[in-house]
Amino acid sequence: MKKEDFIQIKNHDDYLNYWKNLPQLKITCVEKNEECKHNVGDSFIFKNPYTKPEGVCTALLHVLDLYTWRSTLGFPSWNSEDRSKFKLHCPDPKGTIWEMEAIEKE
């Protein structure tokens, strides 16, 4: 999202229109270190930053919540390989690593 997008919001209808155009988020498991119900390649879609996908471990959701708005609004990640993707680790030190990215709505 660009600063100009926010400036265009003048009333509630503008806000609703802006909300409808927010990208979805996709999370994908890219690494599994030990025991976990998720596997490499598993992916889930957030319809919006407030709607959590079903089937995702609640501990992982806690970590993801810290980054949903950053990713939705286009803040660059610290990932030098791809600034559009956040690489996030589940809270278990030997758990899974996930990529989060904004995607166009299906």
PDB file of N, CA and C in Angstrom:
ATOM      1  N   MET A   1       0.834  -1.174   0.000  1.00  0.00           N
ATOM      2  CA  MET A   1       0.000   0.000   0.000  1.00  0.00           C
ATOM      3  C   MET A   1       0.884   1.244   0.000  1.00  0.00           C
ATOM      4  N   LYS A   2       0.425   2.240  -0.673  1.00  0.00           N
ATOM      5  CA  LYS A   2       1.182   3.483  -0.760  1.00  0.00           C
ATOM      6  C   LYS A   2       0.533   4.545   0.116  1.00  0.00           C
ATOM      7  N   LYS A   3       1.333   5.524   0.502  1.00  0.00           N
ATOM      8  CA  LYS A   3       0.832   6.622   1.322  1.00  0.00           C
ATOM      9  C   LYS A   3      -0.371   7.295   0.648  1.00  0.00           C
ATOM     10  N   GLU A   4      -0.321   7.408  -0.670  1.00  0.00           N
ATOM     11  CA  GLU A   4      -1.416   8.044  -1.410  1.00  0.00           C
ATOM     12  C   GLU A   4      -2.734   7.301  -1.203  1.00  0.00           C
ATOM     13  N   ASP A   5      -2.651   5.981  -1.027  1.00  0.00           N
ATOM     14  CA  ASP A   5      -3.858   5.187  -0.803  1.00  0.00           C
ATOM     15  C   ASP A   5      -4.558   5.613   0.483  1.00  0.00           C
ATOM     16  N   PHE A   6      -3.772   5.860   1.526  1.00  0.00           N
ATOM     17  CA  PHE A   6      -4.347   6.261   2.812  1.00  0.00           C
ATOM     18  C   PHE A   6      -4.924   7.672   2.747  1.00  0.00           C
ATOM     19  N   ILE A   7      -4.267   8.539   2.008  1.00  0.00           N
ATOM     20  CA  ILE A   7      -4.713   9.934   1.902  1.00  0.00           C
ATOM     21  C   ILE A   7      -6.084  10.018   1.237  1.00  0.00           C
ATOM     22  N   GLN A   8      -6.395   9.064   0.371  1.00  0.00           N
ATOM     23  CA  GLN A   8      -7.665   9.072  -0.353  1.00  0.00           C
ATOM     24  C   GLN A   8      -8.866   8.731   0.526  1.00  0.00           C
ATOM     25  N   ILE A   9      -8.632   8.237   1.738  1.00  0.00           N
ATOM     26  CA  ILE A   9      -9.737   7.858   2.624  1.00  0.00           C
ATOM     27  C   ILE A   9     -10.295   9.119   3.281  1.00  0.00           C
ATOM     28  N   LYS A  10     -11.494   9.511   2.865  1.00  0.00           N
ATOM     29  CA  LYS A  10     -12.129  10.734   3.373  1.00  0.00           C
ATOM     30  C   LYS A  10     -13.377  10.452   4.202  1.00  0.00           C
ATOM     31  N   ASN A  11     -13.957   9.249   4.030  1.00  0.00           N
ATOM     32  CA  ASN A  11     -15.189   8.930   4.742  1.00  0.00           C
ATOM     33  C   ASN A  11     -15.292   7.408   4.922  1.00  0.00           C
ATOM     34  N   HIS A  12     -16.378   6.977   5.529  1.00  0.00           N
ATOM     35  CA  HIS A  12     -16.541   5.554   5.824  1.00  0.00           C
ATOM     36  C   HIS A  12     -16.627   4.703   4.553  1.00  0.00           C
ATOM     37  N   ASP A  13     -17.290   5.206   3.523  1.00  0.00           N
ATOM     38  CA  ASP A  13     -17.382   4.457   2.268  1.00  0.00           C
ATOM     39  C   ASP A  13     -15.999   4.265   1.641  1.00  0.00           C
ATOM     40  N   ASP A  14     -15.162   5.308   1.699  1.00  0.00           N
ATOM     41  CA  ASP A  14     -13.792   5.185   1.192  1.00  0.00           C
ATOM     42  C   ASP A  14     -13.028   4.119   1.976  1.00  0.00           C
ATOM     43  N   TYR A  15     -13.229   4.114   3.290  1.00  0.00           N
ATOM     44  CA  TYR A  15     -12.565   3.120   4.138  1.00  0.00           C
ATOM     45  C   TYR A  15     -13.007   1.711   3.758  1.00  0.00           C
ATOM     46  N   LEU A  16     -14.314   1.512   3.584  1.00  0.00           N
ATOM     47  CA  LEU A  16     -14.822   0.187   3.212  1.00  0.00           C
ATOM     48  C   LEU A  16     -14.266  -0.257   1.861  1.00  0.00           C
ATOM     49  N   ASN A  17     -14.174   0.668   0.929  1.00  0.00           N
ATOM     50  CA  ASN A  17     -13.620   0.355  -0.382  1.00  0.00           C
ATOM     51  C   ASN A  17     -12.143  -0.026  -0.264  1.00  0.00           C
ATOM     52  N   TYR A  18     -11.415   0.715   0.551  1.00  0.00           N
ATOM     53  CA  TYR A  18     -10.002   0.410   0.790  1.00  0.00           C
ATOM     54  C   TYR A  18      -9.863  -0.983   1.396  1.00  0.00           C
ATOM     55  N   TRP A  19     -10.702  -1.281   2.386  1.00  0.00           N
ATOM     56  CA  TRP A  19     -10.675  -2.578   3.066  1.00  0.00           C
ATOM     57  C   TRP A  19     -10.900  -3.724   2.075  1.00  0.00           C
ATOM     58  N   LYS A  20     -11.855  -3.537   1.142  1.00  0.00           N
ATOM     59  CA  LYS A  20     -12.158  -4.582   0.158  1.00  0.00           C
ATOM     60  C   LYS A  20     -10.963  -4.881  -0.742  1.00  0.00           C
ATOM     61  N   ASN A  21     -10.093  -3.895  -0.917  1.00  0.00           N
ATOM     62  CA  ASN A  21      -8.964  -4.048  -1.829  1.00  0.00           C
ATOM     63  C   ASN A  21      -7.668  -4.480  -1.149  1.00  0.00           C
ATOM     64  N   LEU A  22      -7.702  -4.722   0.160  1.00  0.00           N
ATOM     65  CA  LEU A  22      -6.500  -5.207   0.832  1.00  0.00           C
ATOM     66  C   LEU A  22      -6.130  -6.582   0.292  1.00  0.00           C
ATOM     67  N   PRO A  23      -4.848  -6.852   0.145  1.00  0.00           N
ATOM     68  CA  PRO A  23      -4.467  -8.191  -0.313  1.00  0.00           C
ATOM     69  C   PRO A  23      -4.703  -9.235   0.768  1.00  0.00           C
ATOM     70  N   GLN A  24      -4.781 -10.478   0.351  1.00  0.00           N
ATOM     71  CA  GLN A  24      -4.828 -11.580   1.303  1.00  0.00           C
ATOM     72  C   GLN A  24      -3.393 -11.910   1.704  1.00  0.00           C
ATOM     73  N   LEU A  25      -3.253 -12.729   2.734  1.00  0.00           N
ATOM     74  CA  LEU A  25      -1.930 -13.185   3.155  1.00  0.00           C
ATOM     75  C   LEU A  25      -1.839 -14.689   2.985  1.00  0.00           C
ATOM     76  N   LYS A  26      -0.694 -15.131   2.551  1.00  0.00           N
ATOM     77  CA  LYS A  26      -0.441 -16.566   2.427  1.00  0.00           C
ATOM     78  C   LYS A  26       0.742 -16.910   3.322  1.00  0.00           C
ATOM     79  N   ILE A  27       0.569 -17.952   4.142  1.00  0.00           N
ATOM     80  CA  ILE A  27       1.687 -18.468   4.923  1.00  0.00           C
ATOM     81  C   ILE A  27       1.998 -19.870   4.413  1.00  0.00           C
ATOM     82  N   THR A  28       3.281 -20.163   4.300  1.00  0.00           N
ATOM     83  CA  THR A  28       3.724 -21.462   3.802  1.00  0.00           C
ATOM     84  C   THR A  28       4.836 -21.987   4.693  1.00  0.00           C
ATOM     85  N   CYS A  29       4.713 -23.240   5.108  1.00  0.00           N
ATOM     86  CA  CYS A  29       5.756 -23.882   5.911  1.00  0.00           C
ATOM     87  C   CYS A  29       6.933 -24.206   4.990  1.00  0.00           C
ATOM     88  N   VAL A  30       8.122 -23.679   5.322  1.00  0.00           N
ATOM     89  CA  VAL A  30       9.294 -23.898   4.476  1.00  0.00           C
ATOM     90  C   VAL A  30      10.353 -24.767   5.147  1.00  0.00           C
ATOM     91  N   GLU A  31      10.195 -24.998   6.454  1.00  0.00           N
ATOM     92  CA  GLU A  31      11.174 -25.834   7.159  1.00  0.00           C
ATOM     93  C   GLU A  31      10.533 -26.456   8.390  1.00  0.00           C
ATOM     94  N   LYS A  32      10.852 -27.719   8.628  1.00  0.00           N
ATOM     95  CA  LYS A  32      10.348 -28.422   9.808  1.00  0.00           C
ATOM     96  C   LYS A  32      11.539 -29.082  10.488  1.00  0.00           C
ATOM     97  N   ASN A  33      11.762 -28.732  11.756  1.00  0.00           N
ATOM     98  CA  ASN A  33      12.950 -29.214  12.453  1.00  0.00           C
ATOM     99  C   ASN A  33      12.703 -30.452  13.305  1.00  0.00           C
ATOM    100  N   GLU A  34      11.562 -30.558  13.909  1.00  0.00           N
ATOM    101  CA  GLU A  34      11.242 -31.736  14.716  1.00  0.00           C
ATOM    102  C   GLU A  34       9.756 -32.031  14.597  1.00  0.00           C
ATOM    103  N   GLU A  35       9.168 -32.493  15.680  1.00  0.00           N
ATOM    104  CA  GLU A  35       7.774 -32.911  15.661  1.00  0.00           C
ATOM    105  C   GLU A  35       6.829 -31.707  15.613  1.00  0.00           C
ATOM    106  N   CYS A  36       5.877 -31.754  14.693  1.00  0.00           N
ATOM    107  CA  CYS A  36       4.883 -30.687  14.536  1.00  0.00           C
ATOM    108  C   CYS A  36       3.760 -31.243  13.673  1.00  0.00           C
ATOM    109  N   LYS A  37       2.534 -30.749  13.887  1.00  0.00           N
ATOM    110  CA  LYS A  37       1.422 -31.234  13.060  1.00  0.00           C
ATOM    111  C   LYS A  37       1.499 -30.700  11.634  1.00  0.00           C
ATOM    112  N   HIS A  38       2.256 -29.623  11.428  1.00  0.00           N
ATOM    113  CA  HIS A  38       2.400 -29.041  10.094  1.00  0.00           C
ATOM    114  C   HIS A  38       3.597 -29.654   9.375  1.00  0.00           C
ATOM    115  N   ASN A  39       3.545 -29.622   8.047  1.00  0.00           N
ATOM    116  CA  ASN A  39       4.623 -30.176   7.227  1.00  0.00           C
ATOM    117  C   ASN A  39       5.087 -29.151   6.207  1.00  0.00           C
ATOM    118  N   VAL A  40       6.308 -29.317   5.729  1.00  0.00           N
ATOM    119  CA  VAL A  40       6.836 -28.442   4.682  1.00  0.00           C
ATOM    120  C   VAL A  40       5.866 -28.466   3.501  1.00  0.00           C
ATOM    121  N   GLY A  41       5.540 -27.286   3.007  1.00  0.00           N
ATOM    122  CA  GLY A  41       4.598 -27.161   1.896  1.00  0.00           C
ATOM    123  C   GLY A  41       3.183 -26.828   2.319  1.00  0.00           C
ATOM    124  N   ASP A  42       2.851 -27.057   3.600  1.00  0.00           N
ATOM    125  CA  ASP A  42       1.518 -26.654   4.077  1.00  0.00           C
ATOM    126  C   ASP A  42       1.371 -25.149   3.895  1.00  0.00           C
ATOM    127  N   SER A  43       0.214 -24.715   3.430  1.00  0.00           N
ATOM    128  CA  SER A  43      -0.025 -23.273   3.310  1.00  0.00           C
ATOM    129  C   SER A  43      -1.460 -22.954   3.687  1.00  0.00           C
ATOM    130  N   PHE A  44      -1.644 -21.731   4.147  1.00  0.00           N
ATOM    131  CA  PHE A  44      -2.941 -21.250   4.614  1.00  0.00           C
ATOM    132  C   PHE A  44      -3.111 -19.812   4.141  1.00  0.00           C
ATOM    133  N   ILE A  45      -4.366 -19.412   3.962  1.00  0.00           N
ATOM    134  CA  ILE A  45      -4.687 -18.063   3.493  1.00  0.00           C
ATOM    135  C   ILE A  45      -5.428 -17.292   4.584  1.00  0.00           C
ATOM    136  N   PHE A  46      -4.951 -16.082   4.873  1.00  0.00           N
ATOM    137  CA  PHE A  46      -5.676 -15.123   5.704  1.00  0.00           C
ATOM    138  C   PHE A  46      -6.507 -14.284   4.739  1.00  0.00           C
ATOM    139  N   LYS A  47      -7.829 -14.317   4.855  1.00  0.00           N
ATOM    140  CA  LYS A  47      -8.683 -13.494   3.989  1.00  0.00           C
ATOM    141  C   LYS A  47      -8.445 -12.009   4.257  1.00  0.00           C
ATOM    142  N   ASN A  48      -8.158 -11.684   5.514  1.00  0.00           N
ATOM    143  CA  ASN A  48      -7.766 -10.335   5.926  1.00  0.00           C
ATOM    144  C   ASN A  48      -6.990 -10.492   7.235  1.00  0.00           C
ATOM    145  N   PRO A  49      -6.346  -9.434   7.719  1.00  0.00           N
ATOM    146  CA  PRO A  49      -5.518  -9.577   8.922  1.00  0.00           C
ATOM    147  C   PRO A  49      -6.273 -10.017  10.175  1.00  0.00           C
ATOM    148  N   TYR A  50      -7.590  -9.851  10.197  1.00  0.00           N
ATOM    149  CA  TYR A  50      -8.364 -10.226  11.379  1.00  0.00           C
ATOM    150  C   TYR A  50      -8.944 -11.639  11.307  1.00  0.00           C
ATOM    151  N   THR A  51      -8.993 -12.218  10.125  1.00  0.00           N
ATOM    152  CA  THR A  51      -9.597 -13.533   9.942  1.00  0.00           C
ATOM    153  C   THR A  51      -8.504 -14.588   9.871  1.00  0.00           C
ATOM    154  N   LYS A  52      -8.388 -15.350  10.933  1.00  0.00           N
ATOM    155  CA  LYS A  52      -7.338 -16.363  11.008  1.00  0.00           C
ATOM    156  C   LYS A  52      -7.788 -17.638  10.292  1.00  0.00           C
ATOM    157  N   PRO A  53      -6.883 -18.246   9.518  1.00  0.00           N
ATOM    158  CA  PRO A  53      -7.260 -19.485   8.836  1.00  0.00           C
ATOM    159  C   PRO A  53      -7.410 -20.639   9.819  1.00  0.00           C
ATOM    160  N   GLU A  54      -8.342 -21.516   9.531  1.00  0.00           N
ATOM    161  CA  GLU A  54      -8.555 -22.690  10.384  1.00  0.00           C
ATOM    162  C   GLU A  54      -7.431 -23.694  10.176  1.00  0.00           C
ATOM    163  N   GLY A  55      -7.106 -24.413  11.250  1.00  0.00           N
ATOM    164  CA  GLY A  55      -6.126 -25.480  11.159  1.00  0.00           C
ATOM    165  C   GLY A  55      -4.709 -25.087  11.509  1.00  0.00           C
ATOM    166  N   VAL A  56      -4.473 -23.795  11.744  1.00  0.00           N
ATOM    167  CA  VAL A  56      -3.127 -23.342  12.101  1.00  0.00           C
ATOM    168  C   VAL A  56      -2.962 -23.425  13.614  1.00  0.00           C
ATOM    169  N   CYS A  57      -1.841 -23.945  14.048  1.00  0.00           N
ATOM    170  CA  CYS A  57      -1.516 -24.060  15.468  1.00  0.00           C
ATOM    171  C   CYS A  57      -1.673 -22.699  16.155  1.00  0.00           C
ATOM    172  N   THR A  58      -2.313 -22.674  17.314  1.00  0.00           N
ATOM    173  CA  THR A  58      -2.558 -21.401  18.007  1.00  0.00           C
ATOM    174  C   THR A  58      -1.266 -20.730  18.451  1.00  0.00           C
ATOM    175  N   ALA A  59      -0.246 -21.491  18.786  1.00  0.00           N
ATOM    176  CA  ALA A  59       1.042 -20.888  19.167  1.00  0.00           C
ATOM    177  C   ALA A  59       1.659 -20.167  17.969  1.00  0.00           C
ATOM    178  N   LEU A  60       1.567 -20.772  16.794  1.00  0.00           N
ATOM    179  CA  LEU A  60       2.075 -20.128  15.583  1.00  0.00           C
ATOM    180  C   LEU A  60       1.270 -18.873  15.270  1.00  0.00           C
ATOM    181  N   LEU A  61      -0.048 -18.934  15.421  1.00  0.00           N
ATOM    182  CA  LEU A  61      -0.887 -17.758  15.160  1.00  0.00           C
ATOM    183  C   LEU A  61      -0.467 -16.580  16.023  1.00  0.00           C
ATOM    184  N   HIS A  62      -0.054 -16.848  17.245  1.00  0.00           N
ATOM    185  CA  HIS A  62       0.393 -15.777  18.139  1.00  0.00           C
ATOM    186  C   HIS A  62       1.575 -15.023  17.518  1.00  0.00           C
ATOM    187  N   VAL A  63       2.521 -15.742  16.948  1.00  0.00           N
ATOM    188  CA  VAL A  63       3.673 -15.114  16.293  1.00  0.00           C
ATOM    189  C   VAL A  63       3.230 -14.400  15.016  1.00  0.00           C
ATOM    190  N   LEU A  64       2.407 -15.049  14.217  1.00  0.00           N
ATOM    191  CA  LEU A  64       1.968 -14.466  12.946  1.00  0.00           C
ATOM    192  C   LEU A  64       1.212 -13.162  13.147  1.00  0.00           C
ATOM    193  N   ASP A  65       0.440 -13.079  14.233  1.00  0.00           N
ATOM    194  CA  ASP A  65      -0.332 -11.860  14.511  1.00  0.00           C
ATOM    195  C   ASP A  65       0.545 -10.614  14.572  1.00  0.00           C
ATOM    196  N   LEU A  66       1.793 -10.777  14.943  1.00  0.00           N
ATOM    197  CA  LEU A  66       2.702  -9.633  15.039  1.00  0.00           C
ATOM    198  C   LEU A  66       3.052  -9.059  13.667  1.00  0.00           C
ATOM    199  N   TYR A  67       2.818  -9.833  12.607  1.00  0.00           N
ATOM    200  CA  TYR A  67       3.264  -9.434  11.269  1.00  0.00           C
ATOM    201  C   TYR A  67       2.157  -9.330  10.226  1.00  0.00           C
ATOM    202  N   THR A  68       0.931  -9.677  10.566  1.00  0.00           N
ATOM    203  CA  THR A  68      -0.129  -9.672   9.548  1.00  0.00           C
ATOM    204  C   THR A  68      -0.341  -8.283   8.947  1.00  0.00           C
ATOM    205  N   TRP A  69      -0.413  -7.259   9.778  1.00  0.00           N
ATOM    206  CA  TRP A  69      -0.631  -5.916   9.235  1.00  0.00           C
ATOM    207  C   TRP A  69       0.589  -5.404   8.488  1.00  0.00           C
ATOM    208  N   ARG A  70       1.783  -5.709   8.969  1.00  0.00           N
ATOM    209  CA  ARG A  70       2.998  -5.285   8.256  1.00  0.00           C
ATOM    210  C   ARG A  70       2.992  -5.838   6.831  1.00  0.00           C
ATOM    211  N   SER A  71       2.702  -7.110   6.720  1.00  0.00           N
ATOM    212  CA  SER A  71       2.697  -7.748   5.407  1.00  0.00           C
ATOM    213  C   SER A  71       1.553  -7.224   4.536  1.00  0.00           C
ATOM    214  N   THR A  72       0.366  -7.084   5.114  1.00  0.00           N
ATOM    215  CA  THR A  72      -0.795  -6.592   4.364  1.00  0.00           C
ATOM    216  C   THR A  72      -0.546  -5.202   3.790  1.00  0.00           C
ATOM    217  N   LEU A  73       0.078  -4.337   4.577  1.00  0.00           N
ATOM    218  CA  LEU A  73       0.282  -2.952   4.147  1.00  0.00           C
ATOM    219  C   LEU A  73       1.554  -2.753   3.335  1.00  0.00           C
ATOM    220  N   GLY A  74       2.297  -3.836   3.108  1.00  0.00           N
ATOM    221  CA  GLY A  74       3.455  -3.748   2.226  1.00  0.00           C
ATOM    222  C   GLY A  74       4.749  -3.303   2.873  1.00  0.00           C
ATOM    223  N   PHE A  75       4.835  -3.359   4.201  1.00  0.00           N
ATOM    224  CA  PHE A  75       6.095  -3.020   4.850  1.00  0.00           C
ATOM    225  C   PHE A  75       7.147  -4.035   4.410  1.00  0.00           C
ATOM    226  N   PRO A  76       8.358  -3.599   4.091  1.00  0.00           N
ATOM    227  CA  PRO A  76       9.381  -4.559   3.677  1.00  0.00           C
ATOM    228  C   PRO A  76       9.876  -5.393   4.852  1.00  0.00           C
ATOM    229  N   SER A  77      10.161  -6.656   4.586  1.00  0.00           N
ATOM    230  CA  SER A  77      10.701  -7.522   5.631  1.00  0.00           C
ATOM    231  C   SER A  77      12.216  -7.335   5.701  1.00  0.00           C
ATOM    232  N   TRP A  78      12.805  -7.927   6.703  1.00  0.00           N
ATOM    233  CA  TRP A  78      14.258  -7.880   6.876  1.00  0.00           C
ATOM    234  C   TRP A  78      14.938  -8.983   6.079  1.00  0.00           C
ATOM    235  N   ASN A  79      14.164  -9.816   5.392  1.00  0.00           N
ATOM    236  CA  ASN A  79      14.683 -10.945   4.633  1.00  0.00           C
ATOM    237  C   ASN A  79      15.411 -10.430   3.395  1.00  0.00           C
ATOM    238  N   SER A  80      16.725 -10.507   3.387  1.00  0.00           N
ATOM    239  CA  SER A  80      17.497  -9.951   2.274  1.00  0.00           C
ATOM    240  C   SER A  80      17.278 -10.707   0.963  1.00  0.00           C
ATOM    241  N   GLU A  81      16.829 -11.960   1.038  1.00  0.00           N
ATOM    242  CA  GLU A  81      16.569 -12.737  -0.177  1.00  0.00           C
ATOM    243  C   GLU A  81      15.329 -12.238  -0.914  1.00  0.00           C
ATOM    244  N   ASP A  82      14.306 -11.830  -0.167  1.00  0.00           N
ATOM    245  CA  ASP A  82      13.050 -11.355  -0.759  1.00  0.00           C
ATOM    246  C   ASP A  82      12.352 -10.453   0.250  1.00  0.00           C
ATOM    247  N   ARG A  83      12.407  -9.142   0.030  1.00  0.00           N
ATOM    248  CA  ARG A  83      11.858  -8.174   0.988  1.00  0.00           C
ATOM    249  C   ARG A  83      10.336  -8.213   1.071  1.00  0.00           C
ATOM    250  N   SER A  84       9.683  -8.945   0.157  1.00  0.00           N
ATOM    251  CA  SER A  84       8.216  -9.029   0.196  1.00  0.00           C
ATOM    252  C   SER A  84       7.725 -10.184   1.065  1.00  0.00           C
ATOM    253  N   LYS A  85       8.644 -11.017   1.555  1.00  0.00           N
ATOM    254  CA  LYS A  85       8.264 -12.175   2.370  1.00  0.00           C
ATOM    255  C   LYS A  85       8.901 -12.081   3.752  1.00  0.00           C
ATOM    256  N   PHE A  86       8.070 -12.295   4.767  1.00  0.00           N
ATOM    257  CA  PHE A  86       8.566 -12.380   6.138  1.00  0.00           C
ATOM    258  C   PHE A  86       8.836 -13.846   6.449  1.00  0.00           C
ATOM    259  N   LYS A  87      10.016 -14.157   6.973  1.00  0.00           N
ATOM    260  CA  LYS A  87      10.325 -15.516   7.443  1.00  0.00           C
ATOM    261  C   LYS A  87      10.155 -15.519   8.944  1.00  0.00           C
ATOM    262  N   LEU A  88       9.258 -16.382   9.425  1.00  0.00           N
ATOM    263  CA  LEU A  88       8.885 -16.387  10.837  1.00  0.00           C
ATOM    264  C   LEU A  88       9.017 -17.785  11.418  1.00  0.00           C
ATOM    265  N   HIS A  89       9.472 -17.839  12.645  1.00  0.00           N
ATOM    266  CA  HIS A  89       9.687 -19.109  13.342  1.00  0.00           C
ATOM    267  C   HIS A  89       8.578 -19.297  14.363  1.00  0.00           C
ATOM    268  N   CYS A  90       8.052 -20.506  14.439  1.00  0.00           N
ATOM    269  CA  CYS A  90       7.054 -20.778  15.471  1.00  0.00           C
ATOM    270  C   CYS A  90       7.729 -20.652  16.844  1.00  0.00           C
ATOM    271  N   PRO A  91       6.962 -20.525  17.923  1.00  0.00           N
ATOM    272  CA  PRO A  91       7.557 -20.300  19.241  1.00  0.00           C
ATOM    273  C   PRO A  91       8.417 -21.457  19.757  1.00  0.00           C
ATOM    274  N   ASP A  92       8.195 -22.650  19.248  1.00  0.00           N
ATOM    275  CA  ASP A  92       9.007 -23.792  19.675  1.00  0.00           C
ATOM    276  C   ASP A  92      10.407 -23.648  19.065  1.00  0.00           C
ATOM    277  N   PRO A  93      11.457 -23.662  19.879  1.00  0.00           N
ATOM    278  CA  PRO A  93      12.809 -23.480  19.343  1.00  0.00           C
ATOM    279  C   PRO A  93      13.205 -24.530  18.300  1.00  0.00           C
ATOM    280  N   LYS A  94      12.533 -25.667  18.315  1.00  0.00           N
ATOM    281  CA  LYS A  94      12.837 -26.719  17.341  1.00  0.00           C
ATOM    282  C   LYS A  94      11.647 -26.950  16.413  1.00  0.00           C
ATOM    283  N   GLY A  95      10.869 -25.926  16.199  1.00  0.00           N
ATOM    284  CA  GLY A  95       9.637 -26.059  15.424  1.00  0.00           C
ATOM    285  C   GLY A  95       9.797 -25.751  13.949  1.00  0.00           C
ATOM    286  N   THR A  96       8.802 -25.094  13.396  1.00  0.00           N
ATOM    287  CA  THR A  96       8.722 -24.843  11.959  1.00  0.00           C
ATOM    288  C   THR A  96       9.083 -23.401  11.626  1.00  0.00           C
ATOM    289  N   ILE A  97       9.456 -23.188  10.362  1.00  0.00           N
ATOM    290  CA  ILE A  97       9.721 -21.850   9.840  1.00  0.00           C
ATOM    291  C   ILE A  97       8.740 -21.621   8.695  1.00  0.00           C
ATOM    292  N   TRP A  98       8.168 -20.425   8.677  1.00  0.00           N
ATOM    293  CA  TRP A  98       7.109 -20.088   7.725  1.00  0.00           C
ATOM    294  C   TRP A  98       7.464 -18.831   6.954  1.00  0.00           C
ATOM    295  N   GLU A  99       6.959 -18.739   5.732  1.00  0.00           N
ATOM    296  CA  GLU A  99       7.027 -17.505   4.959  1.00  0.00           C
ATOM    297  C   GLU A  99       5.627 -16.910   4.901  1.00  0.00           C
ATOM    298  N   MET A 100       5.559 -15.602   5.104  1.00  0.00           N
ATOM    299  CA  MET A 100       4.292 -14.873   5.008  1.00  0.00           C
ATOM    300  C   MET A 100       4.442 -13.832   3.902  1.00  0.00           C
ATOM    301  N   GLU A 101       3.443 -13.798   3.011  1.00  0.00           N
ATOM    302  CA  GLU A 101       3.480 -12.820   1.927  1.00  0.00           C
ATOM    303  C   GLU A 101       2.072 -12.370   1.568  1.00  0.00           C
ATOM    304  N   ALA A 102       1.973 -11.143   1.095  1.00  0.00           N
ATOM    305  CA  ALA A 102       0.704 -10.623   0.596  1.00  0.00           C
ATOM    306  C   ALA A 102       0.491 -11.169  -0.815  1.00  0.00           C
ATOM    307  N   ILE A 103      -0.753 -11.569  -1.106  1.00  0.00           N
ATOM    308  CA  ILE A 103      -1.087 -12.084  -2.439  1.00  0.00           C
ATOM    309  C   ILE A 103      -2.382 -11.429  -2.913  1.00  0.00           C
ATOM    310  N   GLU A 104      -2.590 -11.442  -4.201  1.00  0.00           N
ATOM    311  CA  GLU A 104      -3.840 -10.917  -4.752  1.00  0.00           C
ATOM    312  C   GLU A 104      -4.999 -11.801  -4.317  1.00  0.00           C
ATOM    313  N   LYS A 105      -6.174 -11.210  -4.184  1.00  0.00           N
ATOM    314  CA  LYS A 105      -7.356 -11.984  -3.802  1.00  0.00           C
ATOM    315  C   LYS A 105      -7.701 -12.981  -4.889  1.00  0.00           C
ATOM    316  N   GLU A 106      -8.180 -14.138  -4.433  1.00  0.00           N
ATOM    317  CA  GLU A 106      -8.559 -15.204  -5.373  1.00  0.00           C
ATOM    318  C   GLU A 106      -9.910 -14.930  -5.972  1.00  0.00           C
TER     319      GLU A 106
END
